[in-house]
Amino acid sequence: MKLTKKKLKEIIKEELLKEKRFIEPDEAGQAINYALDDLKHTLQKVRNPEKWAEKYHRGLPDVIEMIERITKVLSRMK
């Protein structure tokens, strides 16, 4: 089985996050970078959020709250 860079990254990320309660300090940087990479790629694929919001308007306040919380945390990572 040939491992692509993306597949290898997924395997490492899964191993790092298996035990979500505690991540070793030396692995924390790698774990957050993988999560941020996933977020970046997902955000690049977002198309027509207005249409999504119309369809899922009941859940929209929770989604906005989550985005605001994430934004607040990320703004501290300078």
Protein backbone atom coordinates (compact mmCIF):
# COMPACT_ATOMS: atom_id res chain seq x y z
CA MET A 1 0.00 0.00 0.00
CA LYS A 2 1.47 3.30 -1.08
CA LEU A 3 0.96 6.09 1.44
CA THR A 4 0.43 9.53 0.06
CA LYS A 5 1.49 12.55 2.07
CA LYS A 6 -2.17 13.35 2.77
CA LYS A 7 -2.96 9.80 3.95
CA LEU A 8 0.13 9.72 6.18
CA LYS A 9 -0.87 13.06 7.66
CA GLU A 10 -4.36 11.69 8.41
CA ILE A 11 -2.91 8.62 10.13
CA ILE A 12 -0.61 10.75 12.30
CA LYS A 13 -3.45 13.12 13.16
CA GLU A 14 -5.70 10.23 14.19
CA GLU A 15 -2.97 8.81 16.41
CA LEU A 16 -2.32 12.18 18.02
CA LEU A 17 -5.99 12.77 18.75
CA LYS A 18 -6.99 9.26 19.85
CA GLU A 19 -6.81 10.27 23.47
CA LYS A 20 -8.47 13.69 23.38
CA ARG A 21 -8.10 14.37 27.07
CA PHE A 22 -4.34 14.82 26.96
CA ILE A 23 -1.86 15.51 24.19
CA GLU A 24 1.82 15.39 25.01
CA PRO A 25 3.38 18.87 24.88
CA ASP A 26 5.90 17.79 22.24
CA GLU A 27 3.03 16.56 20.02
CA ALA A 28 0.72 19.54 20.64
CA GLY A 29 2.25 21.75 17.98
CA GLN A 30 1.91 19.08 15.34
CA ALA A 31 -1.68 18.35 16.36
CA ILE A 32 -2.78 22.01 16.20
CA ASN A 33 -1.04 22.50 12.86
CA TYR A 34 -2.87 19.54 11.36
CA ALA A 35 -6.19 20.81 12.70
CA LEU A 36 -5.51 24.30 11.31
CA ASP A 37 -4.55 22.82 7.92
CA ASP A 38 -7.85 20.93 7.84
CA LEU A 39 -9.73 24.11 8.73
CA LYS A 40 -7.90 26.07 6.03
CA HIS A 41 -8.70 23.50 3.34
CA THR A 42 -12.33 23.26 4.42
CA LEU A 43 -12.75 27.05 4.39
CA GLN A 44 -11.35 27.17 0.86
CA LYS A 45 -14.07 24.77 -0.28
CA VAL A 46 -16.96 26.77 1.21
CA ARG A 47 -19.30 27.93 -1.53
CA ASN A 48 -22.56 29.85 -1.15
CA PRO A 49 -22.92 29.97 2.64
CA GLU A 50 -26.05 32.09 2.21
CA LYS A 51 -27.88 29.17 0.64
CA TRP A 52 -26.75 26.87 3.45
CA ALA A 53 -27.92 29.42 6.04
CA GLU A 54 -31.37 29.60 4.45
CA LYS A 55 -31.70 25.83 4.52
CA TYR A 56 -30.36 25.35 8.07
CA HIS A 57 -31.51 28.61 9.65
CA ARG A 58 -32.42 26.98 12.98
CA GLY A 59 -28.87 25.81 13.59
CA LEU A 60 -27.27 29.01 12.35
CA PRO A 61 -26.99 30.75 15.76
CA ASP A 62 -25.00 27.78 17.12
CA VAL A 63 -22.75 27.72 14.06
CA ILE A 64 -22.07 31.44 14.36
CA GLU A 65 -21.30 31.00 18.07
CA MET A 66 -18.82 28.21 17.31
CA ILE A 67 -17.13 30.31 14.61
CA GLU A 68 -16.85 33.25 17.00
CA ARG A 69 -15.33 31.04 19.71
CA ILE A 70 -12.80 29.58 17.29
CA THR A 71 -11.97 33.03 15.96
CA LYS A 72 -11.40 34.29 19.50
CA VAL A 73 -9.01 31.43 20.31
CA LEU A 74 -7.16 31.74 17.02
CA SER A 75 -6.73 35.49 17.48
CA ARG A 76 -4.66 34.70 20.59
CA MET A 77 -2.21 32.60 18.53
CA LYS A 78 0.05 35.41 17.38
